[in-house]
PDB file of N, CA and C in Angstrom:
ATOM      1  N   UNK A   1     117.204 103.737  56.461  1.00  0.00           N
ATOM      2  CA  UNK A   1     118.214 102.697  56.465  1.00  0.00           C
ATOM      3  C   UNK A   1     117.604 101.420  55.910  1.00  0.00           C
ATOM      4  N   UNK A   2     118.419 100.653  55.259  1.00  0.00           N
ATOM      5  CA  UNK A   2     117.952  99.401  54.688  1.00  0.00           C
ATOM      6  C   UNK A   2     119.002  98.327  54.930  1.00  0.00           C
ATOM      7  N   UNK A   3     118.537  97.104  55.088  1.00  0.00           N
ATOM      8  CA  UNK A   3     119.451  95.967  55.186  1.00  0.00           C
ATOM      9  C   UNK A   3     118.757  94.788  54.525  1.00  0.00           C
ATOM     10  N   UNK A   4     119.318  93.609  54.635  1.00  0.00           N
ATOM     11  CA  UNK A   4     118.768  92.448  53.946  1.00  0.00           C
ATOM     12  C   UNK A   4     117.448  91.969  54.548  1.00  0.00           C
ATOM     13  N   UNK A   5     117.058  92.504  55.712  1.00  0.00           N
ATOM     14  CA  UNK A   5     115.821  92.063  56.355  1.00  0.00           C
ATOM     15  C   UNK A   5     114.713  93.105  56.385  1.00  0.00           C
ATOM     16  N   UNK A   6     115.077  94.397  56.370  1.00  0.00           N
ATOM     17  CA  UNK A   6     114.022  95.390  56.519  1.00  0.00           C
ATOM     18  C   UNK A   6     114.435  96.801  56.157  1.00  0.00           C
ATOM     19  N   UNK A   7     113.475  97.698  56.319  1.00  0.00           N
ATOM     20  CA  UNK A   7     113.649  99.118  56.040  1.00  0.00           C
ATOM     21  C   UNK A   7     113.320  99.899  57.305  1.00  0.00           C
ATOM     22  N   UNK A   8     113.968 101.027  57.487  1.00  0.00           N
ATOM     23  CA  UNK A   8     113.670 101.858  58.646  1.00  0.00           C
ATOM     24  C   UNK A   8     114.021 103.301  58.382  1.00  0.00           C
ATOM     25  N   UNK A   9     113.345 104.197  59.087  1.00  0.00           N
ATOM     26  CA  UNK A   9     113.617 105.628  58.937  1.00  0.00           C
ATOM     27  C   UNK A   9     113.257 106.353  60.222  1.00  0.00           C
ATOM     28  N   UNK A  10     113.894 107.482  60.404  1.00  0.00           N
ATOM     29  CA  UNK A  10     113.591 108.363  61.528  1.00  0.00           C
ATOM     30  C   UNK A  10     113.396 109.766  60.972  1.00  0.00           C
ATOM     31  N   UNK A  11     112.280 110.378  61.296  1.00  0.00           N
ATOM     32  CA  UNK A  11     112.007 111.751  60.880  1.00  0.00           C
ATOM     33  C   UNK A  11     112.384 112.670  62.038  1.00  0.00           C
ATOM     34  N   UNK A  12     113.300 113.587  61.775  1.00  0.00           N
ATOM     35  CA  UNK A  12     113.773 114.530  62.794  1.00  0.00           C
ATOM     36  C   UNK A  12     113.339 115.932  62.415  1.00  0.00           C
ATOM     37  N   UNK A  13     113.169 116.766  63.426  1.00  0.00           N
ATOM     38  CA  UNK A  13     112.837 118.172  63.195  1.00  0.00           C
ATOM     39  C   UNK A  13     113.809 119.033  63.982  1.00  0.00           C
ATOM     40  N   UNK A  14     114.356 120.040  63.304  1.00  0.00           N
ATOM     41  CA  UNK A  14     115.266 120.977  63.968  1.00  0.00           C
ATOM     42  C   UNK A  14     114.474 122.162  64.493  1.00  0.00           C
ATOM     43  N   UNK A  15     114.798 122.562  65.712  1.00  0.00           N
ATOM     44  CA  UNK A  15     114.149 123.712  66.337  1.00  0.00           C
ATOM     45  C   UNK A  15     115.202 124.549  67.041  1.00  0.00           C
ATOM     46  N   UNK A  16     114.877 125.795  67.268  1.00  0.00           N
ATOM     47  CA  UNK A  16     115.737 126.656  68.073  1.00  0.00           C
ATOM     48  C   UNK A  16     115.163 126.654  69.489  1.00  0.00           C
ATOM     49  N   UNK A  17     115.927 126.134  70.425  1.00  0.00           N
ATOM     50  CA  UNK A  17     115.508 126.057  71.824  1.00  0.00           C
ATOM     51  C   UNK A  17     116.569 126.736  72.668  1.00  0.00           C
ATOM     52  N   UNK A  18     116.157 127.666  73.499  1.00  0.00           N
ATOM     53  CA  UNK A  18     117.077 128.417  74.357  1.00  0.00           C
ATOM     54  C   UNK A  18     118.217 129.041  73.554  1.00  0.00           C
ATOM     55  N   UNK A  19     117.888 129.550  72.377  1.00  0.00           N
ATOM     56  CA  UNK A  19     118.868 130.251  71.554  1.00  0.00           C
ATOM     57  C   UNK A  19     119.780 129.362  70.736  1.00  0.00           C
ATOM     58  N   UNK A  20     119.635 128.050  70.840  1.00  0.00           N
ATOM     59  CA  UNK A  20     120.502 127.143  70.083  1.00  0.00           C
ATOM     60  C   UNK A  20     119.705 126.104  69.314  1.00  0.00           C
ATOM     61  N   UNK A  21     120.310 125.557  68.256  1.00  0.00           N
ATOM     62  CA  UNK A  21     119.606 124.539  67.471  1.00  0.00           C
ATOM     63  C   UNK A  21     119.511 123.224  68.237  1.00  0.00           C
ATOM     64  N   UNK A  22     118.372 122.585  68.088  1.00  0.00           N
ATOM     65  CA  UNK A  22     118.156 121.304  68.746  1.00  0.00           C
ATOM     66  C   UNK A  22     117.363 120.416  67.792  1.00  0.00           C
ATOM     67  N   UNK A  23     117.692 119.145  67.766  1.00  0.00           N
ATOM     68  CA  UNK A  23     117.026 118.215  66.865  1.00  0.00           C
ATOM     69  C   UNK A  23     116.285 117.172  67.687  1.00  0.00           C
ATOM     70  N   UNK A  24     115.034 116.938  67.336  1.00  0.00           N
ATOM     71  CA  UNK A  24     114.240 115.942  68.044  1.00  0.00           C
ATOM     72  C   UNK A  24     113.561 114.999  67.072  1.00  0.00           C
ATOM     73  N   UNK A  25     113.326 113.789  67.524  1.00  0.00           N
ATOM     74  CA  UNK A  25     112.671 112.786  66.687  1.00  0.00           C
ATOM     75  C   UNK A  25     111.170 113.050  66.681  1.00  0.00           C
ATOM     76  N   UNK A  26     110.606 113.074  65.488  1.00  0.00           N
ATOM     77  CA  UNK A  26     109.171 113.256  65.315  1.00  0.00           C
ATOM     78  C   UNK A  26     108.495 111.914  65.079  1.00  0.00           C
ATOM     79  N   UNK A  27     109.186 111.025  64.374  1.00  0.00           N
ATOM     80  CA  UNK A  27     108.553 109.792  63.925  1.00  0.00           C
ATOM     81  C   UNK A  27     109.605 108.728  63.639  1.00  0.00           C
ATOM     82  N   UNK A  28     109.313 107.482  63.992  1.00  0.00           N
ATOM     83  CA  UNK A  28     110.108 106.324  63.590  1.00  0.00           C
ATOM     84  C   UNK A  28     109.196 105.408  62.781  1.00  0.00           C
ATOM     85  N   UNK A  29     109.710 104.849  61.691  1.00  0.00           N
ATOM     86  CA  UNK A  29     108.956 103.856  60.928  1.00  0.00           C
ATOM     87  C   UNK A  29     109.890 102.714  60.540  1.00  0.00           C
ATOM     88  N   UNK A  30     109.326 101.523  60.418  1.00  0.00           N
ATOM     89  CA  UNK A  30     110.118 100.379  59.955  1.00  0.00           C
ATOM     90  C   UNK A  30     109.176  99.295  59.444  1.00  0.00           C
ATOM     91  N   UNK A  31     109.729  98.430  58.632  1.00  0.00           N
ATOM     92  CA  UNK A  31     108.986  97.257  58.167  1.00  0.00           C
ATOM     93  C   UNK A  31     109.963  96.217  57.646  1.00  0.00           C
ATOM     94  N   UNK A  32     109.493  94.969  57.599  1.00  0.00           N
ATOM     95  CA  UNK A  32     110.303  93.896  57.037  1.00  0.00           C
ATOM     96  C   UNK A  32     110.182  93.922  55.517  1.00  0.00           C
ATOM     97  N   UNK A  33     111.209  93.402  54.860  1.00  0.00           N
ATOM     98  CA  UNK A  33     111.157  93.280  53.402  1.00  0.00           C
ATOM     99  C   UNK A  33     110.235  92.137  53.010  1.00  0.00           C
ATOM    100  N   UNK A  34     109.539  92.298  51.902  1.00  0.00           N
ATOM    101  CA  UNK A  34     108.748  91.212  51.336  1.00  0.00           C
ATOM    102  C   UNK A  34     109.725  90.233  50.694  1.00  0.00           C
ATOM    103  N   UNK A  35     109.285  89.007  50.446  1.00  0.00           N
ATOM    104  CA  UNK A  35     110.170  87.993  49.863  1.00  0.00           C
ATOM    105  C   UNK A  35     110.788  88.460  48.548  1.00  0.00           C
ATOM    106  N   UNK A  36     109.994  89.076  47.688  1.00  0.00           N
ATOM    107  CA  UNK A  36     110.513  89.541  46.396  1.00  0.00           C
ATOM    108  C   UNK A  36     111.522  90.671  46.587  1.00  0.00           C
ATOM    109  N   UNK A  37     111.323  91.538  47.574  1.00  0.00           N
ATOM    110  CA  UNK A  37     112.230  92.655  47.836  1.00  0.00           C
ATOM    111  C   UNK A  37     113.554  92.186  48.432  1.00  0.00           C
ATOM    112  N   UNK A  38     113.531  91.069  49.133  1.00  0.00           N
ATOM    113  CA  UNK A  38     114.742  90.548  49.771  1.00  0.00           C
ATOM    114  C   UNK A  38     115.788  90.130  48.736  1.00  0.00           C
ATOM    115  N   UNK A  39     115.380  89.960  47.488  1.00  0.00           N
ATOM    116  CA  UNK A  39     116.309  89.577  46.421  1.00  0.00           C
ATOM    117  C   UNK A  39     116.953  90.781  45.733  1.00  0.00           C
ATOM    118  N   UNK A  40     116.559  91.993  46.097  1.00  0.00           N
ATOM    119  CA  UNK A  40     117.147  93.200  45.507  1.00  0.00           C
ATOM    120  C   UNK A  40     118.600  93.346  45.937  1.00  0.00           C
ATOM    121  N   UNK A  41     119.380  94.004  45.107  1.00  0.00           N
ATOM    122  CA  UNK A  41     120.748  94.353  45.477  1.00  0.00           C
ATOM    123  C   UNK A  41     120.733  95.490  46.489  1.00  0.00           C
ATOM    124  N   UNK A  42     121.906  95.825  47.010  1.00  0.00           N
ATOM    125  CA  UNK A  42     122.006  96.845  48.056  1.00  0.00           C
ATOM    126  C   UNK A  42     121.484  98.207  47.594  1.00  0.00           C
ATOM    127  N   UNK A  43     121.866  98.642  46.402  1.00  0.00           N
ATOM    128  CA  UNK A  43     121.433  99.953  45.916  1.00  0.00           C
ATOM    129  C   UNK A  43     119.928  99.979  45.689  1.00  0.00           C
ATOM    130  N   UNK A  44     119.380  98.904  45.119  1.00  0.00           N
ATOM    131  CA  UNK A  44     117.934  98.841  44.911  1.00  0.00           C
ATOM    132  C   UNK A  44     117.187  98.875  46.238  1.00  0.00           C
ATOM    133  N   UNK A  45     117.697  98.177  47.240  1.00  0.00           N
ATOM    134  CA  UNK A  45     117.047  98.166  48.553  1.00  0.00           C
ATOM    135  C   UNK A  45     117.072  99.552  49.181  1.00  0.00           C
ATOM    136  N   UNK A  46     118.182 100.268  49.041  1.00  0.00           N
ATOM    137  CA  UNK A  46     118.265 101.638  49.564  1.00  0.00           C
ATOM    138  C   UNK A  46     117.297 102.561  48.826  1.00  0.00           C
ATOM    139  N   UNK A  47     117.162 102.383  47.508  1.00  0.00           N
ATOM    140  CA  UNK A  47     116.208 103.187  46.736  1.00  0.00           C
ATOM    141  C   UNK A  47     114.777 102.880  47.166  1.00  0.00           C
ATOM    142  N   UNK A  48     114.485 101.606  47.356  1.00  0.00           N
ATOM    143  CA  UNK A  48     113.170 101.209  47.854  1.00  0.00           C
ATOM    144  C   UNK A  48     112.892 101.882  49.194  1.00  0.00           C
ATOM    145  N   UNK A  49     113.891 101.916  50.054  1.00  0.00           N
ATOM    146  CA  UNK A  49     113.742 102.539  51.366  1.00  0.00           C
ATOM    147  C   UNK A  49     113.399 104.022  51.225  1.00  0.00           C
ATOM    148  N   UNK A  50     114.097 104.721  50.354  1.00  0.00           N
ATOM    149  CA  UNK A  50     113.827 106.145  50.134  1.00  0.00           C
ATOM    150  C   UNK A  50     112.391 106.358  49.668  1.00  0.00           C
ATOM    151  N   UNK A  51     111.969 105.595  48.674  1.00  0.00           N
ATOM    152  CA  UNK A  51     110.617 105.749  48.127  1.00  0.00           C
ATOM    153  C   UNK A  51     109.571 105.400  49.177  1.00  0.00           C
ATOM    154  N   UNK A  52     109.781 104.319  49.903  1.00  0.00           N
ATOM    155  CA  UNK A  52     108.836 103.915  50.944  1.00  0.00           C
ATOM    156  C   UNK A  52     108.749 104.974  52.038  1.00  0.00           C
ATOM    157  N   UNK A  53     109.906 105.516  52.446  1.00  0.00           N
ATOM    158  CA  UNK A  53     109.920 106.583  53.458  1.00  0.00           C
ATOM    159  C   UNK A  53     109.105 107.781  52.988  1.00  0.00           C
ATOM    160  N   UNK A  54     109.342 108.212  51.753  1.00  0.00           N
ATOM    161  CA  UNK A  54     108.640 109.385  51.226  1.00  0.00           C
ATOM    162  C   UNK A  54     107.135 109.145  51.133  1.00  0.00           C
ATOM    163  N   UNK A  55     106.751 107.939  50.725  1.00  0.00           N
ATOM    164  CA  UNK A  55     105.323 107.620  50.642  1.00  0.00           C
ATOM    165  C   UNK A  55     104.691 107.579  52.028  1.00  0.00           C
ATOM    166  N   UNK A  56     105.367 106.953  52.979  1.00  0.00           N
ATOM    167  CA  UNK A  56     104.816 106.792  54.324  1.00  0.00           C
ATOM    168  C   UNK A  56     104.778 108.113  55.097  1.00  0.00           C
ATOM    169  N   UNK A  57     105.737 108.976  54.845  1.00  0.00           N
ATOM    170  CA  UNK A  57     105.828 110.250  55.569  1.00  0.00           C
ATOM    171  C   UNK A  57     105.347 111.432  54.723  1.00  0.00           C
ATOM    172  N   UNK A  58     104.629 111.142  53.670  1.00  0.00           N
ATOM    173  CA  UNK A  58     104.192 112.169  52.717  1.00  0.00           C
ATOM    174  C   UNK A  58     103.505 113.358  53.400  1.00  0.00           C
ATOM    175  N   UNK A  59     102.621 113.094  54.341  1.00  0.00           N
ATOM    176  CA  UNK A  59     101.865 114.183  54.969  1.00  0.00           C
ATOM    177  C   UNK A  59     102.746 115.084  55.824  1.00  0.00           C
ATOM    178  N   UNK A  60     103.861 114.568  56.291  1.00  0.00           N
ATOM    179  CA  UNK A  60     104.800 115.379  57.062  1.00  0.00           C
ATOM    180  C   UNK A  60     105.724 116.181  56.141  1.00  0.00           C
ATOM    181  N   UNK A  61     106.021 115.622  54.969  1.00  0.00           N
ATOM    182  CA  UNK A  61     107.034 116.201  54.083  1.00  0.00           C
ATOM    183  C   UNK A  61     106.474 117.078  52.966  1.00  0.00           C
ATOM    184  N   UNK A  62     105.209 116.928  52.658  1.00  0.00           N
ATOM    185  CA  UNK A  62     104.617 117.659  51.538  1.00  0.00           C
ATOM    186  C   UNK A  62     104.796 119.168  51.713  1.00  0.00           C
ATOM    187  N   UNK A  63     105.447 119.784  50.745  1.00  0.00           N
ATOM    188  CA  UNK A  63     105.665 121.223  50.749  1.00  0.00           C
ATOM    189  C   UNK A  63     106.830 121.700  51.602  1.00  0.00           C
ATOM    190  N   UNK A  64     107.438 120.806  52.362  1.00  0.00           N
ATOM    191  CA  UNK A  64     108.561 121.180  53.234  1.00  0.00           C
ATOM    192  C   UNK A  64     109.885 120.971  52.510  1.00  0.00           C
ATOM    193  N   UNK A  65     110.861 121.782  52.839  1.00  0.00           N
ATOM    194  CA  UNK A  65     112.229 121.571  52.371  1.00  0.00           C
ATOM    195  C   UNK A  65     112.884 120.673  53.410  1.00  0.00           C
ATOM    196  N   UNK A  66     113.493 119.569  52.967  1.00  0.00           N
ATOM    197  CA  UNK A  66     114.050 118.621  53.931  1.00  0.00           C
ATOM    198  C   UNK A  66     115.301 117.949  53.392  1.00  0.00           C
ATOM    199  N   UNK A  67     116.029 117.325  54.304  1.00  0.00           N
ATOM    200  CA  UNK A  67     117.249 116.584  53.976  1.00  0.00           C
ATOM    201  C   UNK A  67     116.998 115.110  54.246  1.00  0.00           C
ATOM    202  N   UNK A  68     117.466 114.268  53.325  1.00  0.00           N
ATOM    203  CA  UNK A  68     117.374 112.822  53.489  1.00  0.00           C
ATOM    204  C   UNK A  68     118.790 112.296  53.640  1.00  0.00           C
ATOM    205  N   UNK A  69     119.120 111.790  54.823  1.00  0.00           N
ATOM    206  CA  UNK A  69     120.460 111.273  55.086  1.00  0.00           C
ATOM    207  C   UNK A  69     120.493 109.784  54.781  1.00  0.00           C
ATOM    208  N   UNK A  70     121.533 109.357  54.078  1.00  0.00           N
ATOM    209  CA  UNK A  70     121.681 107.956  53.706  1.00  0.00           C
ATOM    210  C   UNK A  70     123.146 107.547  53.788  1.00  0.00           C
ATOM    211  N   UNK A  71     123.368 106.256  53.999  1.00  0.00           N
ATOM    212  CA  UNK A  71     124.736 105.736  53.974  1.00  0.00           C
ATOM    213  C   UNK A  71     125.028 105.052  52.633  1.00  0.00           C
ATOM    214  N   UNK A  72     124.172 105.287  51.645  1.00  0.00           N
ATOM    215  CA  UNK A  72     124.346 104.743  50.291  1.00  0.00           C
ATOM    216  C   UNK A  72     124.616 105.903  49.337  1.00  0.00           C
ATOM    217  N   UNK A  73     125.859 106.040  48.935  1.00  0.00           N
ATOM    218  CA  UNK A  73     126.253 107.190  48.107  1.00  0.00           C
ATOM    219  C   UNK A  73     125.547 107.198  46.750  1.00  0.00           C
ATOM    220  N   UNK A  74     125.121 106.039  46.253  1.00  0.00           N
ATOM    221  CA  UNK A  74     124.438 105.972  44.958  1.00  0.00           C
ATOM    222  C   UNK A  74     123.098 106.714  44.971  1.00  0.00           C
ATOM    223  N   UNK A  75     122.475 106.853  46.123  1.00  0.00           N
ATOM    224  CA  UNK A  75     121.189 107.552  46.194  1.00  0.00           C
ATOM    225  C   UNK A  75     121.308 109.025  45.831  1.00  0.00           C
ATOM    226  N   UNK A  76     122.491 109.600  46.033  1.00  0.00           N
ATOM    227  CA  UNK A  76     122.682 111.016  45.709  1.00  0.00           C
ATOM    228  C   UNK A  76     122.400 111.297  44.235  1.00  0.00           C
ATOM    229  N   UNK A  77     122.617 110.305  43.391  1.00  0.00           N
ATOM    230  CA  UNK A  77     122.407 110.508  41.954  1.00  0.00           C
ATOM    231  C   UNK A  77     121.117 109.866  41.444  1.00  0.00           C
ATOM    232  N   UNK A  78     120.267 109.387  42.326  1.00  0.00           N
ATOM    233  CA  UNK A  78     119.050 108.682  41.911  1.00  0.00           C
ATOM    234  C   UNK A  78     118.167 109.520  40.997  1.00  0.00           C
ATOM    235  N   UNK A  79     117.984 110.782  41.315  1.00  0.00           N
ATOM    236  CA  UNK A  79     117.090 111.622  40.515  1.00  0.00           C
ATOM    237  C   UNK A  79     117.589 111.832  39.091  1.00  0.00           C
ATOM    238  N   UNK A  80     118.897 111.745  38.887  1.00  0.00           N
ATOM    239  CA  UNK A  80     119.478 111.993  37.562  1.00  0.00           C
ATOM    240  C   UNK A  80     120.031 110.734  36.901  1.00  0.00           C
ATOM    241  N   UNK A  81     119.893 109.600  37.543  1.00  0.00           N
ATOM    242  CA  UNK A  81     120.470 108.348  37.072  1.00  0.00           C
ATOM    243  C   UNK A  81     119.807 107.885  35.774  1.00  0.00           C
ATOM    244  N   UNK A  82     120.614 107.424  34.838  1.00  0.00           N
ATOM    245  CA  UNK A  82     120.096 106.821  33.614  1.00  0.00           C
ATOM    246  C   UNK A  82     120.153 105.307  33.816  1.00  0.00           C
ATOM    247  N   UNK A  83     119.000 104.669  33.755  1.00  0.00           N
ATOM    248  CA  UNK A  83     118.932 103.242  34.020  1.00  0.00           C
ATOM    249  C   UNK A  83     117.831 102.604  33.185  1.00  0.00           C
ATOM    250  N   UNK A  84     117.971 101.316  32.939  1.00  0.00           N
ATOM    251  CA  UNK A  84     116.923 100.567  32.256  1.00  0.00           C
ATOM    252  C   UNK A  84     116.198  99.651  33.235  1.00  0.00           C
ATOM    253  N   UNK A  85     116.613  99.659  34.486  1.00  0.00           N
ATOM    254  CA  UNK A  85     115.974  98.840  35.508  1.00  0.00           C
ATOM    255  C   UNK A  85     114.574  99.399  35.781  1.00  0.00           C
ATOM    256  N   UNK A  86     113.555  98.576  35.599  1.00  0.00           N
ATOM    257  CA  UNK A  86     112.181  99.074  35.705  1.00  0.00           C
ATOM    258  C   UNK A  86     111.832  99.555  37.105  1.00  0.00           C
ATOM    259  N   UNK A  87     112.376  98.900  38.140  1.00  0.00           N
ATOM    260  CA  UNK A  87     112.118  99.366  39.507  1.00  0.00           C
ATOM    261  C   UNK A  87     112.691 100.765  39.719  1.00  0.00           C
ATOM    262  N   UNK A  88     113.939 100.942  39.302  1.00  0.00           N
ATOM    263  CA  UNK A  88     114.604 102.231  39.497  1.00  0.00           C
ATOM    264  C   UNK A  88     113.885 103.334  38.715  1.00  0.00           C
ATOM    265  N   UNK A  89     113.446 103.036  37.496  1.00  0.00           N
ATOM    266  CA  UNK A  89     112.714 104.030  36.701  1.00  0.00           C
ATOM    267  C   UNK A  89     111.409 104.424  37.392  1.00  0.00           C
ATOM    268  N   UNK A  90     110.689 103.424  37.879  1.00  0.00           N
ATOM    269  CA  UNK A  90     109.424 103.697  38.567  1.00  0.00           C
ATOM    270  C   UNK A  90     109.659 104.531  39.821  1.00  0.00           C
ATOM    271  N   UNK A  91     110.729 104.231  40.554  1.00  0.00           N
ATOM    272  CA  UNK A  91     111.031 104.974  41.776  1.00  0.00           C
ATOM    273  C   UNK A  91     111.468 106.400  41.465  1.00  0.00           C
ATOM    274  N   UNK A  92     112.210 106.581  40.371  1.00  0.00           N
ATOM    275  CA  UNK A  92     112.590 107.942  39.964  1.00  0.00           C
ATOM    276  C   UNK A  92     111.344 108.790  39.722  1.00  0.00           C
ATOM    277  N   UNK A  93     110.373 108.221  39.051  1.00  0.00           N
ATOM    278  CA  UNK A  93     109.128 108.941  38.777  1.00  0.00           C
ATOM    279  C   UNK A  93     108.383 109.224  40.079  1.00  0.00           C
ATOM    280  N   UNK A  94     108.360 108.249  40.979  1.00  0.00           N
ATOM    281  CA  UNK A  94     107.623 108.392  42.240  1.00  0.00           C
ATOM    282  C   UNK A  94     108.152 109.528  43.112  1.00  0.00           C
ATOM    283  N   UNK A  95     109.446 109.825  43.031  1.00  0.00           N
ATOM    284  CA  UNK A  95     110.007 110.860  43.915  1.00  0.00           C
ATOM    285  C   UNK A  95     110.180 112.213  43.231  1.00  0.00           C
ATOM    286  N   UNK A  96     109.723 112.344  41.996  1.00  0.00           N
ATOM    287  CA  UNK A  96     109.885 113.609  41.271  1.00  0.00           C
ATOM    288  C   UNK A  96     109.232 114.795  41.974  1.00  0.00           C
ATOM    289  N   UNK A  97     108.107 114.565  42.659  1.00  0.00           N
ATOM    290  CA  UNK A  97     107.426 115.687  43.313  1.00  0.00           C
ATOM    291  C   UNK A  97     108.262 116.296  44.439  1.00  0.00           C
ATOM    292  N   UNK A  98     109.259 115.569  44.924  1.00  0.00           N
ATOM    293  CA  UNK A  98     110.125 116.068  45.999  1.00  0.00           C
ATOM    294  C   UNK A  98     111.419 116.679  45.466  1.00  0.00           C
ATOM    295  N   UNK A  99     111.609 116.648  44.171  1.00  0.00           N
ATOM    296  CA  UNK A  99     112.880 117.044  43.544  1.00  0.00           C
ATOM    297  C   UNK A  99     113.404 118.398  44.020  1.00  0.00           C
ATOM    298  N   UNK A 100     112.579 119.410  44.064  1.00  0.00           N
ATOM    299  CA  UNK A 100     113.034 120.740  44.463  1.00  0.00           C
ATOM    300  C   UNK A 100     113.151 120.944  45.964  1.00  0.00           C
ATOM    301  N   UNK A 101     112.528 120.068  46.743  1.00  0.00           N
ATOM    302  CA  UNK A 101     112.495 120.242  48.200  1.00  0.00           C
ATOM    303  C   UNK A 101     113.421 119.309  48.965  1.00  0.00           C
ATOM    304  N   UNK A 102     113.916 118.267  48.304  1.00  0.00           N
ATOM    305  CA  UNK A 102     114.700 117.246  48.997  1.00  0.00           C
ATOM    306  C   UNK A 102     116.176 117.352  48.631  1.00  0.00           C
ATOM    307  N   UNK A 103     117.002 117.310  49.646  1.00  0.00           N
ATOM    308  CA  UNK A 103     118.448 117.269  49.457  1.00  0.00           C
ATOM    309  C   UNK A 103     118.928 115.933  50.016  1.00  0.00           C
ATOM    310  N   UNK A 104     119.473 115.068  49.167  1.00  0.00           N
ATOM    311  CA  UNK A 104     119.973 113.765  49.613  1.00  0.00           C
ATOM    312  C   UNK A 104     121.420 113.945  50.037  1.00  0.00           C
ATOM    313  N   UNK A 105     121.709 113.600  51.285  1.00  0.00           N
ATOM    314  CA  UNK A 105     123.037 113.808  51.864  1.00  0.00           C
ATOM    315  C   UNK A 105     123.630 112.463  52.270  1.00  0.00           C
ATOM    316  N   UNK A 106     124.843 112.203  51.781  1.00  0.00           N
ATOM    317  CA  UNK A 106     125.556 110.981  52.155  1.00  0.00           C
ATOM    318  C   UNK A 106     126.168 111.156  53.540  1.00  0.00           C
ATOM    319  N   UNK A 107     125.946 110.164  54.387  1.00  0.00           N
ATOM    320  CA  UNK A 107     126.511 110.166  55.738  1.00  0.00           C
ATOM    321  C   UNK A 107     127.124 108.787  55.962  1.00  0.00           C
ATOM    322  N   UNK A 108     128.382 108.749  56.286  1.00  0.00           N
ATOM    323  CA  UNK A 108     129.103 107.493  56.456  1.00  0.00           C
ATOM    324  C   UNK A 108     128.354 106.548  57.403  1.00  0.00           C
ATOM    325  N   UNK A 109     128.382 105.265  57.089  1.00  0.00           N
ATOM    326  CA  UNK A 109     127.644 104.265  57.852  1.00  0.00           C
ATOM    327  C   UNK A 109     127.881 104.287  59.346  1.00  0.00           C
ATOM    328  N   UNK A 110     129.123 104.532  59.767  1.00  0.00           N
ATOM    329  CA  UNK A 110     129.445 104.548  61.197  1.00  0.00           C
ATOM    330  C   UNK A 110     128.739 105.682  61.930  1.00  0.00           C
ATOM    331  N   UNK A 111     128.528 106.792  61.249  1.00  0.00           N
ATOM    332  CA  UNK A 111     127.901 107.946  61.894  1.00  0.00           C
ATOM    333  C   UNK A 111     126.407 108.055  61.570  1.00  0.00           C
ATOM    334  N   UNK A 112     125.900 107.094  60.840  1.00  0.00           N
ATOM    335  CA  UNK A 112     124.485 107.096  60.439  1.00  0.00           C
ATOM    336  C   UNK A 112     123.762 106.008  61.225  1.00  0.00           C
ATOM    337  N   UNK A 113     123.501 106.262  62.483  1.00  0.00           N
ATOM    338  CA  UNK A 113     122.995 105.209  63.365  1.00  0.00           C
ATOM    339  C   UNK A 113     121.548 105.377  63.795  1.00  0.00           C
ATOM    340  N   UNK A 114     120.944 106.531  63.587  1.00  0.00           N
ATOM    341  CA  UNK A 114     119.616 106.764  64.150  1.00  0.00           C
ATOM    342  C   UNK A 114     118.523 105.862  63.577  1.00  0.00           C
ATOM    343  N   UNK A 115     118.637 105.399  62.353  1.00  0.00           N
ATOM    344  CA  UNK A 115     117.607 104.537  61.776  1.00  0.00           C
ATOM    345  C   UNK A 115     118.102 103.120  61.508  1.00  0.00           C
ATOM    346  N   UNK A 116     119.393 102.869  61.650  1.00  0.00           N
ATOM    347  CA  UNK A 116     119.930 101.542  61.341  1.00  0.00           C
ATOM    348  C   UNK A 116     119.286 100.434  62.170  1.00  0.00           C
ATOM    349  N   UNK A 117     119.071 100.667  63.428  1.00  0.00           N
ATOM    350  CA  UNK A 117     118.470  99.650  64.288  1.00  0.00           C
ATOM    351  C   UNK A 117     117.052  99.296  63.885  1.00  0.00           C
ATOM    352  N   UNK A 118     116.363 100.206  63.240  1.00  0.00           N
ATOM    353  CA  UNK A 118     114.985  99.961  62.822  1.00  0.00           C
ATOM    354  C   UNK A 118     114.901  99.001  61.647  1.00  0.00           C
ATOM    355  N   UNK A 119     115.939  98.934  60.842  1.00  0.00           N
ATOM    356  CA  UNK A 119     115.898  98.093  59.643  1.00  0.00           C
ATOM    357  C   UNK A 119     116.382  96.673  59.909  1.00  0.00           C
ATOM    358  N   UNK A 120     116.868  96.415  61.073  1.00  0.00           N
ATOM    359  CA  UNK A 120     117.435  95.086  61.365  1.00  0.00           C
ATOM    360  C   UNK A 120     116.500  94.218  62.164  1.00  0.00           C
TER     361      UNK A 120
END
């Protein structure tokens, strides 16, 4: 999750417990935006959040198939987006190693609450 003040993420793991699926939190991360990052638009801030999450959680995610839930629908097309924005181009390159393992899923803001509090 991203907002005008910070970035946040929650890493969840699904397990089968007592014959049924159960999801538990493995990790929470958050940080404040730097002054230069605070001037980014909403989509750029969400992209920054995705890249920062992947870099920070790399050791947990490397080689795993995973889903990245976001309330920013533009992130769904980040890997295929044609842009001249240098930040976006750099971030596209940074996340290429996850291309086959990551599924970006849009989740409406009202129902996407597990990491929102971390970014504020």
